[in-house]
Amino acid sequence: MGKAIQPMRVLRDFVAQRGSQAAAAKAIGISPPLLSGILAGKRGFSDRVLKALGLRRTRTITDRYDEAR
C-alpha cells in the first residue's frame, strides 16, 4: 500500500519549481485560470493534472464497522 500524498502540496511545489502559475499551467497542458481554480480549491484535480504531478487517483475502502466498536 502506498503512502498518502497531499496533491495540493505537490501542486504548489510544482508551481514554485516552474516560477509562475502560467509556466506551470503550460507544463501541465491546462489554462492558467483552471490552474488558479484548482489552487483556490474551487476546481478538482483532473487525471491530467495528477499525471503531470506524477500522481494517480486511487480509492480507499475502510471497514466502517471498526469505527462503531
C-alpha atoms as a PDB file:
ATOM      1  CA  MET A   1       0.000   0.000   0.000  1.00  0.00           C
ATOM      2  CA  GLY A   2       1.371   3.422  -0.952  1.00  0.00           C
ATOM      3  CA  LYS A   3       1.899   6.429   1.251  1.00  0.00           C
ATOM      4  CA  ALA A   4      -0.894   9.035   1.389  1.00  0.00           C
ATOM      5  CA  ILE A   5       0.013  12.152  -0.605  1.00  0.00           C
ATOM      6  CA  GLN A   6      -1.459  15.637  -0.374  1.00  0.00           C
ATOM      7  CA  PRO A   7      -1.907  16.674  -4.024  1.00  0.00           C
ATOM      8  CA  MET A   8      -2.259  20.384  -3.196  1.00  0.00           C
ATOM      9  CA  ARG A   9       1.178  20.438  -1.586  1.00  0.00           C
ATOM     10  CA  VAL A  10       2.663  18.646  -4.596  1.00  0.00           C
ATOM     11  CA  LEU A  11       0.948  21.117  -6.947  1.00  0.00           C
ATOM     12  CA  ARG A  12       2.197  24.145  -5.018  1.00  0.00           C
ATOM     13  CA  ASP A  13       5.748  22.757  -5.149  1.00  0.00           C
ATOM     14  CA  PHE A  14       5.322  22.135  -8.905  1.00  0.00           C
ATOM     15  CA  VAL A  15       4.256  25.762  -9.436  1.00  0.00           C
ATOM     16  CA  ALA A  16       7.133  27.064  -7.304  1.00  0.00           C
ATOM     17  CA  GLN A  17       9.650  24.996  -9.279  1.00  0.00           C
ATOM     18  CA  ARG A  18       8.392  26.488 -12.532  1.00  0.00           C
ATOM     19  CA  GLY A  19       8.401  30.046 -11.229  1.00  0.00           C
ATOM     20  CA  SER A  20       4.834  31.021 -12.061  1.00  0.00           C
ATOM     21  CA  GLN A  21       1.319  29.664 -12.381  1.00  0.00           C
ATOM     22  CA  ALA A  22       1.379  30.427 -16.110  1.00  0.00           C
ATOM     23  CA  ALA A  23       4.532  28.343 -16.644  1.00  0.00           C
ATOM     24  CA  ALA A  24       3.139  25.515 -14.522  1.00  0.00           C
ATOM     25  CA  ALA A  25      -0.177  25.546 -16.401  1.00  0.00           C
ATOM     26  CA  LYS A  26       1.675  25.376 -19.714  1.00  0.00           C
ATOM     27  CA  ALA A  27       3.794  22.454 -18.478  1.00  0.00           C
ATOM     28  CA  ILE A  28       0.656  20.590 -17.396  1.00  0.00           C
ATOM     29  CA  GLY A  29      -1.274  21.461 -20.553  1.00  0.00           C
ATOM     30  CA  ILE A  30      -4.129  23.380 -18.923  1.00  0.00           C
ATOM     31  CA  SER A  31      -5.176  27.030 -18.877  1.00  0.00           C
ATOM     32  CA  PRO A  32      -3.861  29.389 -16.194  1.00  0.00           C
ATOM     33  CA  PRO A  33      -7.420  30.129 -14.961  1.00  0.00           C
ATOM     34  CA  LEU A  34      -8.049  26.413 -14.495  1.00  0.00           C
ATOM     35  CA  LEU A  35      -4.833  26.034 -12.508  1.00  0.00           C
ATOM     36  CA  SER A  36      -5.785  29.061 -10.416  1.00  0.00           C
ATOM     37  CA  GLY A  37      -9.161  27.472  -9.684  1.00  0.00           C
ATOM     38  CA  ILE A  38      -7.523  24.239  -8.564  1.00  0.00           C
ATOM     39  CA  LEU A  39      -5.122  26.132  -6.294  1.00  0.00           C
ATOM     40  CA  ALA A  40      -8.042  28.083  -4.821  1.00  0.00           C
ATOM     41  CA  GLY A  41      -9.917  24.849  -4.099  1.00  0.00           C
ATOM     42  CA  LYS A  42     -12.738  25.767  -6.496  1.00  0.00           C
ATOM     43  CA  ARG A  43     -11.855  23.065  -9.049  1.00  0.00           C
ATOM     44  CA  GLY A  44     -10.851  19.463  -8.584  1.00  0.00           C
ATOM     45  CA  PHE A  45      -7.726  17.665  -9.706  1.00  0.00           C
ATOM     46  CA  SER A  46      -8.196  16.152 -13.156  1.00  0.00           C
ATOM     47  CA  ASP A  47      -6.382  12.994 -14.188  1.00  0.00           C
ATOM     48  CA  ARG A  48      -4.225  15.155 -16.494  1.00  0.00           C
ATOM     49  CA  VAL A  49      -3.056  17.324 -13.594  1.00  0.00           C
ATOM     50  CA  LEU A  50      -2.416  14.325 -11.367  1.00  0.00           C
ATOM     51  CA  LYS A  51      -0.400  12.631 -14.110  1.00  0.00           C
ATOM     52  CA  ALA A  52       1.721  15.768 -14.646  1.00  0.00           C
ATOM     53  CA  LEU A  53       2.460  15.729 -10.906  1.00  0.00           C
ATOM     54  CA  GLY A  54       3.430  12.062 -11.002  1.00  0.00           C
ATOM     55  CA  LEU A  55       0.332  11.051  -9.047  1.00  0.00           C
ATOM     56  CA  ARG A  56      -2.664   8.850  -9.740  1.00  0.00           C
ATOM     57  CA  ARG A  57      -6.162   8.638  -8.320  1.00  0.00           C
ATOM     58  CA  THR A  58      -6.952   5.677  -6.063  1.00  0.00           C
ATOM     59  CA  ARG A  59      -9.836   4.693  -3.850  1.00  0.00           C
ATOM     60  CA  THR A  60      -9.552   3.524  -0.289  1.00  0.00           C
ATOM     61  CA  ILE A  61     -12.187   1.383   1.330  1.00  0.00           C
ATOM     62  CA  THR A  62     -12.262   1.186   5.094  1.00  0.00           C
ATOM     63  CA  ASP A  63     -14.158  -1.108   7.382  1.00  0.00           C
ATOM     64  CA  ARG A  64     -16.694   1.208   8.977  1.00  0.00           C
ATOM     65  CA  TYR A  65     -17.659  -1.469  11.476  1.00  0.00           C
ATOM     66  CA  ASP A  66     -14.328  -0.927  13.241  1.00  0.00           C
ATOM     67  CA  GLU A  67     -15.388   2.653  13.956  1.00  0.00           C
ATOM     68  CA  ALA A  68     -18.653   1.542  15.608  1.00  0.00           C
ATOM     69  CA  ARG A  69     -17.000  -0.882  18.022  1.00  0.00           C
END
